[in-house]
Amino acid sequence: MPSEWIFQDEGYSGSILQRPGLEHLRDLSAEGQIETILIYSPDRLSRKYAYQVLLLEEFSRYGVEVIFIKSPQAATPEEQLLIQFQGMIAEYERAQILERCRRGKKHRAKNGFVNVLSGAPYGYRYIKKTDTSSAYYEVVENEAEVVRNIYHLYTEEAINIGEIARRLTRQGILTRSGKSIWDRSTVWGMLRNPAYKGSACFGKTEKAERKKITRPLRKRGGFSARSYSSRERSKDEWIEIPVPAIINEVIFDLVQERLKKNKQFSIRHTKEPTLLQGLLVCSICGYAIYRTSTRTSTRKIYYYRCIGSDNYRHPNGRVCSNRPIRQDYLGLSHLFHKYK
């Protein structure tokens, strides 16, 4: 069978509709280029019964015949009922598997097993369980020294996160993934990770509806294997798992206090609302466009600027030649004053 006749969505959940292969199949069906679709079983079309009904009705409307290899052709009401039952059972099985996994991981976390965590953070090595011992974290001393240095720079020398990342990059220290360039978000995550004080936590995040499309996602055409994002849970819901400490608990608490104050008094904290915040994207490089300002002797002037054009954000300098645009040149100033 020619490869262009095969529609696959490797790595995409069957519980969502936004899958590249499925989208292409629906487009071709709407254009009248497909007569028959062969599908292994109903749960390969979708893991949600409601989506199965929606797609089958859509294909039928376009005159496309759908044949399930592992199910009888729905020529009679009884056969249609059987396919519907298979769809409902597939959705039930998926929900049951997810719930069993969730409760099983939660139970093991409460009993102190680290193998329920996604992986060992920088500074640790994950040691798999054996017949005689459970899995555990082992301190990697050269990485642990880097962690201690990061905490020292942030607390004792009051160096900001961006400068810490640049220093690590200049020193040629590799990240956990082997990259030579340190990102500020990596350093920020390390400063917030309670594992370094001896308490790795399970259940720190939970699923939430995706609220924004990131630059990597835009470059892939807006498709994602996940139809959701994650958000942080309340700390009283976290389950602590003891691991070897790298940082003193007092130092860790000082870091959290400073991070909290920085967030409260950050210059990036939005004081003046903007209608276009989080909506603009650079047409040249794909990075987001943000609003910034400068002050003259008489007034404050707002600009829209591409993140890719900022030298300090990128190790090798700016990656975009797009110039800033003054807000008042866009003719939107009256809207901002109207909706304040």
Protein backbone atom coordinates (compact mmCIF):
# COMPACT_ATOMS: atom_id res chain seq x y z
CA MET A 1 0.00 0.00 0.00
CA PRO A 2 1.45 3.44 -0.90
CA SER A 3 2.56 5.46 2.11
CA GLU A 4 0.39 8.43 1.12
CA TRP A 5 -2.67 6.21 1.63
CA ILE A 6 -1.74 5.52 5.25
CA PHE A 7 -2.83 8.04 7.90
CA GLN A 8 -1.04 7.64 11.24
CA ASP A 9 -0.71 9.82 14.33
CA GLU A 10 2.31 8.45 16.15
CA GLY A 11 2.66 9.95 19.62
CA TYR A 12 -0.78 11.58 19.61
CA SER A 13 -3.52 10.61 22.02
CA GLY A 14 -6.60 8.99 20.52
CA SER A 15 -8.73 11.00 22.93
CA ILE A 16 -8.28 14.24 20.97
CA LEU A 17 -9.42 15.37 17.51
CA GLN A 18 -6.51 17.66 16.68
CA ARG A 19 -4.18 15.07 15.15
CA PRO A 20 -2.27 15.78 11.90
CA GLY A 21 -3.13 12.47 10.22
CA LEU A 22 -6.80 12.68 11.14
CA GLU A 23 -7.00 16.32 10.03
CA HIS A 24 -5.51 15.41 6.64
CA LEU A 25 -7.93 12.51 6.29
CA ARG A 26 -10.91 14.76 7.05
CA ASP A 27 -9.71 17.39 4.58
CA LEU A 28 -9.38 14.83 1.77
CA SER A 29 -12.81 13.43 2.59
CA ALA A 30 -14.34 16.91 2.40
CA GLU A 31 -12.69 17.42 -1.01
CA GLY A 32 -14.26 14.20 -2.28
CA GLN A 33 -10.91 12.43 -2.85
CA ILE A 34 -11.68 9.39 -0.67
CA GLU A 35 -14.30 6.70 -1.23
CA THR A 36 -13.52 4.15 1.52
CA ILE A 37 -11.59 4.25 4.81
CA LEU A 38 -10.23 1.08 6.40
CA ILE A 39 -9.74 1.29 10.18
CA TYR A 40 -8.48 -1.51 12.40
CA SER A 41 -11.07 -0.93 15.15
CA PRO A 42 -13.33 1.89 16.39
CA ASP A 43 -10.94 2.87 19.19
CA ARG A 44 -8.25 3.56 16.55
CA LEU A 45 -10.50 6.26 15.11
CA SER A 46 -10.98 7.82 18.55
CA ARG A 47 -10.89 6.75 22.17
CA LYS A 48 -13.98 8.85 22.91
CA TYR A 49 -17.36 7.57 21.83
CA ALA A 50 -18.73 11.08 21.17
CA TYR A 51 -15.86 11.80 18.78
CA GLN A 52 -16.45 8.48 17.01
CA VAL A 53 -20.08 9.43 16.34
CA LEU A 54 -19.04 12.90 15.14
CA LEU A 55 -16.42 11.55 12.73
CA LEU A 56 -18.61 8.75 11.37
CA GLU A 57 -21.43 11.20 10.68
CA GLU A 58 -18.97 13.54 8.97
CA PHE A 59 -17.55 10.82 6.72
CA SER A 60 -21.08 9.64 5.89
CA ARG A 61 -22.08 13.18 4.94
CA TYR A 62 -19.18 13.30 2.47
CA GLY A 63 -20.18 9.93 0.98
CA VAL A 64 -17.18 8.07 2.44
CA GLU A 65 -17.63 4.45 3.50
CA VAL A 66 -15.93 3.49 6.80
CA ILE A 67 -14.98 -0.17 7.32
CA PHE A 68 -13.66 -1.46 10.66
CA ILE A 69 -11.48 -4.55 10.16
CA LYS A 70 -12.07 -5.92 13.68
CA SER A 71 -15.79 -5.12 13.70
CA PRO A 72 -18.70 -6.18 11.49
CA GLN A 73 -19.87 -3.77 8.85
CA ALA A 74 -22.74 -1.77 10.32
CA ALA A 75 -25.45 -2.80 7.86
CA THR A 76 -28.12 -3.54 10.45
CA PRO A 77 -29.27 -1.74 13.61
CA GLU A 78 -27.78 -4.56 15.70
CA GLU A 79 -24.34 -4.15 14.08
CA GLN A 80 -24.48 -0.39 14.57
CA LEU A 81 -25.30 -0.99 18.23
CA LEU A 82 -22.28 -3.30 18.54
CA ILE A 83 -19.94 -0.64 17.16
CA GLN A 84 -21.40 1.89 19.57
CA PHE A 85 -20.80 -0.49 22.48
CA GLN A 86 -17.20 -1.00 21.37
CA GLY A 87 -16.67 2.75 21.35
CA MET A 88 -18.13 3.18 24.83
CA ILE A 89 -16.08 0.25 26.17
CA ALA A 90 -12.88 1.70 24.69
CA GLU A 91 -13.55 5.02 26.42
CA TYR A 92 -14.36 3.26 29.70
CA GLU A 93 -11.17 1.16 29.53
CA ARG A 94 -9.04 4.26 28.95
CA ALA A 95 -10.59 6.03 31.94
CA GLN A 96 -10.16 2.92 34.08
CA ILE A 97 -6.48 2.53 33.16
CA LEU A 98 -5.76 6.20 33.90
CA GLU A 99 -7.47 6.03 37.28
CA ARG A 100 -5.68 2.83 38.30
CA CYS A 101 -2.32 4.32 37.33
CA ARG A 102 -3.05 7.52 39.24
CA ARG A 103 -4.06 5.75 42.44
CA GLY A 104 -1.21 3.26 42.18
CA LYS A 105 1.38 6.03 41.82
CA LYS A 106 -0.15 8.00 44.68
CA HIS A 107 -0.04 4.95 46.96
CA ARG A 108 3.63 4.27 46.14
CA ALA A 109 4.53 7.92 46.64
CA LYS A 110 2.99 7.90 50.13
CA ASN A 111 5.19 4.90 50.90
CA GLY A 112 8.34 6.75 49.82
CA PHE A 113 9.11 5.12 46.45
CA VAL A 114 10.98 7.47 44.10
CA ASN A 115 10.20 5.45 40.98
CA VAL A 116 6.83 7.23 40.69
CA LEU A 117 8.68 10.46 39.87
CA SER A 118 9.38 11.42 36.26
CA GLY A 119 13.17 11.27 36.70
CA ALA A 120 16.08 12.41 38.83
CA PRO A 121 16.78 16.17 38.64
CA TYR A 122 20.19 17.68 37.95
CA GLY A 123 22.55 16.72 40.76
CA TYR A 124 21.12 13.21 41.20
CA ARG A 125 21.31 9.88 39.44
CA TYR A 126 18.34 7.52 39.40
CA ILE A 127 19.33 4.02 40.53
CA LYS A 128 16.87 1.35 39.42
CA LYS A 129 15.42 -1.12 41.88
CA THR A 130 16.93 -4.57 42.23
CA ASP A 131 15.87 -7.81 43.87
CA THR A 132 17.37 -6.62 47.15
CA SER A 133 16.71 -2.86 47.16
CA SER A 134 14.21 -0.28 46.01
CA ALA A 135 14.98 2.48 43.52
CA TYR A 136 16.68 5.55 44.98
CA TYR A 137 18.43 8.84 44.13
CA GLU A 138 22.22 8.96 44.27
CA VAL A 139 24.01 12.31 44.51
CA VAL A 140 26.30 13.12 41.57
CA GLU A 141 28.94 15.16 43.35
CA ASN A 142 30.20 17.28 40.43
CA GLU A 143 26.61 18.24 39.53
CA ALA A 144 25.72 18.77 43.19
CA GLU A 145 28.56 21.31 43.42
CA VAL A 146 27.00 23.23 40.53
CA VAL A 147 23.64 23.23 42.35
CA ARG A 148 25.28 24.57 45.54
CA ASN A 149 27.02 27.27 43.50
CA ILE A 150 23.72 28.35 41.91
CA TYR A 151 22.09 28.71 45.33
CA HIS A 152 25.16 30.56 46.64
CA LEU A 153 25.15 33.04 43.74
CA TYR A 154 21.46 33.70 44.15
CA THR A 155 21.41 34.11 47.94
CA GLU A 156 24.87 35.31 49.03
CA GLU A 157 25.87 37.38 45.98
CA ALA A 158 22.32 38.41 44.97
CA ILE A 159 22.94 37.63 41.29
CA ASN A 160 19.83 37.40 39.14
CA ILE A 161 18.75 34.22 37.38
CA GLY A 162 19.64 35.47 33.90
CA GLU A 163 23.24 36.25 34.90
CA ILE A 164 23.59 32.89 36.64
CA ALA A 165 22.52 31.15 33.41
CA ARG A 166 25.03 33.18 31.39
CA ARG A 167 27.84 32.35 33.82
CA LEU A 168 27.13 28.64 33.63
CA THR A 169 27.14 28.89 29.83
CA ARG A 170 30.48 30.77 29.79
CA GLN A 171 32.03 28.19 32.11
CA GLY A 172 31.16 25.42 29.67
CA ILE A 173 29.11 23.43 32.20
CA LEU A 174 26.71 21.04 30.50
CA THR A 175 23.06 20.72 31.41
CA ARG A 176 21.44 17.38 32.25
CA SER A 177 20.48 16.97 28.58
CA GLY A 178 24.06 17.66 27.45
CA LYS A 179 23.48 21.20 26.18
CA SER A 180 26.16 23.84 26.65
CA ILE A 181 23.65 26.71 26.86
CA TRP A 182 21.76 27.23 30.10
CA ASP A 183 18.30 28.73 29.96
CA ARG A 184 16.90 30.95 32.68
CA SER A 185 13.89 28.69 33.08
CA THR A 186 16.23 25.78 33.88
CA VAL A 187 17.94 27.73 36.66
CA TRP A 188 14.56 28.98 37.92
CA GLY A 189 13.26 25.42 38.10
CA MET A 190 16.33 24.28 40.04
CA LEU A 191 15.89 27.07 42.57
CA ARG A 192 12.30 25.97 43.17
CA ASN A 193 12.87 22.20 43.32
CA PRO A 194 12.32 20.93 46.90
CA ALA A 195 14.29 17.75 46.12
CA TYR A 196 17.51 19.69 46.79
CA LYS A 197 16.53 20.19 50.43
CA GLY A 198 15.84 16.44 50.76
CA SER A 199 12.13 16.25 49.87
CA ALA A 200 11.31 15.25 46.31
CA CYS A 201 7.60 15.85 45.74
CA PHE A 202 5.01 13.85 43.81
CA GLY A 203 1.84 15.44 42.44
CA LYS A 204 3.18 18.98 42.08
CA THR A 205 1.23 19.61 38.89
CA GLU A 206 -2.09 18.65 37.36
CA LYS A 207 -3.63 18.73 33.91
CA ALA A 208 -5.29 21.92 32.76
CA GLU A 209 -6.73 23.27 29.55
CA ARG A 210 -4.10 24.59 27.13
CA LYS A 211 -4.33 28.40 27.19
CA LYS A 212 -1.59 29.45 24.80
CA ILE A 213 0.32 28.19 21.79
CA THR A 214 4.09 28.33 22.25
CA ARG A 215 6.65 29.09 19.55
CA PRO A 216 7.70 25.40 19.06
CA LEU A 217 4.02 24.51 18.70
CA ARG A 218 3.46 27.27 16.13
CA LYS A 219 6.41 25.95 14.10
CA ARG A 220 4.69 22.53 13.97
CA GLY A 221 1.56 24.06 12.52
CA GLY A 222 -0.30 24.35 15.83
CA PHE A 223 -0.56 20.59 16.43
CA SER A 224 0.42 19.03 19.73
CA ALA A 225 0.42 15.47 20.98
CA ARG A 226 -1.18 16.89 24.10
CA SER A 227 -4.43 18.83 24.14
CA TYR A 228 -3.68 20.07 27.65
CA SER A 229 -1.03 21.86 29.67
CA SER A 230 -0.07 21.57 33.32
CA ARG A 231 -0.48 23.89 36.28
CA GLU A 232 0.98 23.80 39.76
CA ARG A 233 -1.11 22.39 42.57
CA SER A 234 -1.32 23.80 46.05
CA LYS A 235 1.71 22.76 48.11
CA ASP A 236 -0.43 21.09 50.75
CA GLU A 237 -1.39 18.52 48.07
CA TRP A 238 2.22 17.56 47.33
CA ILE A 239 3.44 14.18 48.60
CA GLU A 240 7.01 14.35 49.94
CA ILE A 241 9.48 11.54 49.26
CA PRO A 242 12.77 11.58 51.24
CA VAL A 243 15.93 11.84 49.11
CA PRO A 244 19.55 12.85 49.94
CA ALA A 245 19.75 16.61 50.51
CA ILE A 246 22.17 18.82 48.57
CA ILE A 247 21.09 22.19 50.00
CA ASN A 248 20.46 23.20 53.58
CA GLU A 249 16.75 23.69 54.27
CA VAL A 250 17.37 27.20 55.64
CA ILE A 251 19.08 28.26 52.41
CA PHE A 252 16.28 26.74 50.35
CA ASP A 253 13.67 28.71 52.32
CA LEU A 254 15.66 31.94 51.80
CA VAL A 255 15.63 31.31 48.05
CA GLN A 256 11.85 30.78 48.04
CA GLU A 257 11.35 34.02 49.95
CA ARG A 258 13.48 35.96 47.48
CA LEU A 259 11.72 34.38 44.49
CA LYS A 260 8.40 35.42 46.00
CA LYS A 261 9.56 39.02 46.49
CA ASN A 262 11.05 39.17 42.99
CA LYS A 263 7.74 38.06 41.51
CA GLN A 264 5.87 40.69 43.50
CA PHE A 265 8.18 43.60 42.70
CA SER A 266 9.43 42.54 39.26
CA ILE A 267 9.60 45.28 36.61
CA ARG A 268 7.90 42.79 34.31
CA HIS A 269 4.82 42.83 36.54
CA THR A 270 2.06 44.35 34.41
CA LYS A 271 1.05 47.72 35.85
CA GLU A 272 -0.70 49.00 32.71
CA PRO A 273 -3.05 46.50 31.00
CA THR A 274 -2.87 45.99 27.24
CA LEU A 275 -5.54 44.56 24.95
CA LEU A 276 -2.95 42.76 22.79
CA GLN A 277 -1.02 41.10 25.62
CA GLY A 278 -0.14 37.49 24.71
CA LEU A 279 -1.75 37.72 21.26
CA LEU A 280 0.99 39.06 18.96
CA VAL A 281 3.56 36.89 17.18
CA CYS A 282 6.53 38.02 15.06
CA SER A 283 6.08 37.12 11.38
CA ILE A 284 9.86 36.87 10.86
CA CYS A 285 11.12 34.59 13.64
CA GLY A 286 7.94 33.27 15.32
CA TYR A 287 8.75 34.58 18.79
CA ALA A 288 6.12 36.40 20.81
CA ILE A 289 5.85 40.20 20.79
CA TYR A 290 5.67 41.97 24.13
CA ARG A 291 5.04 45.53 25.21
CA THR A 292 7.80 47.58 26.79
CA SER A 293 8.26 51.28 27.48
CA THR A 294 10.75 54.11 27.72
CA ARG A 295 10.40 57.48 29.39
CA THR A 296 11.26 60.87 28.00
CA SER A 297 11.43 64.09 29.95
CA THR A 298 7.75 64.72 29.41
CA ARG A 299 5.98 61.38 28.93
CA LYS A 300 6.12 57.59 28.82
CA ILE A 301 6.19 55.91 25.39
CA TYR A 302 5.07 52.31 24.86
CA TYR A 303 6.58 50.00 22.24
CA TYR A 304 5.78 46.53 20.91
CA ARG A 305 9.01 44.54 20.59
CA CYS A 306 9.91 41.03 19.40
CA ILE A 307 11.56 38.75 21.98
CA GLY A 308 13.91 37.50 19.26
CA SER A 309 15.34 41.01 18.80
CA ASP A 310 16.62 41.24 22.39
CA ASN A 311 20.37 40.61 22.58
CA TYR A 312 20.38 39.66 26.26
CA ARG A 313 17.87 36.85 25.78
CA HIS A 314 20.03 34.84 23.36
CA PRO A 315 23.61 33.58 23.91
CA ASN A 316 24.76 34.59 20.42
CA GLY A 317 22.83 37.83 20.26
CA ARG A 318 19.56 38.75 18.64
CA VAL A 319 17.98 36.28 16.22
CA CYS A 320 15.47 38.66 14.64
CA SER A 321 15.82 41.94 12.74
CA ASN A 322 12.28 43.12 13.37
CA ARG A 323 12.21 46.68 14.71
CA PRO A 324 10.09 47.88 17.66
CA ILE A 325 6.78 49.59 16.85
CA ARG A 326 5.39 52.45 18.90
CA GLN A 327 1.96 51.83 20.31
CA ASP A 328 0.70 55.29 19.38
CA TYR A 329 1.72 54.69 15.76
CA LEU A 330 -0.71 51.77 15.63
CA GLY A 331 -3.64 54.05 16.34
CA LEU A 332 -4.75 51.99 19.35
CA SER A 333 -4.04 54.43 22.16
CA HIS A 334 -7.68 55.49 22.51
CA LEU A 335 -8.68 51.85 22.99
CA PHE A 336 -6.21 51.36 25.83
CA HIS A 337 -7.52 54.42 27.64
CA LYS A 338 -11.14 53.41 27.02
CA TYR A 339 -10.81 49.92 28.51
CA LYS A 340 -8.59 50.71 31.51
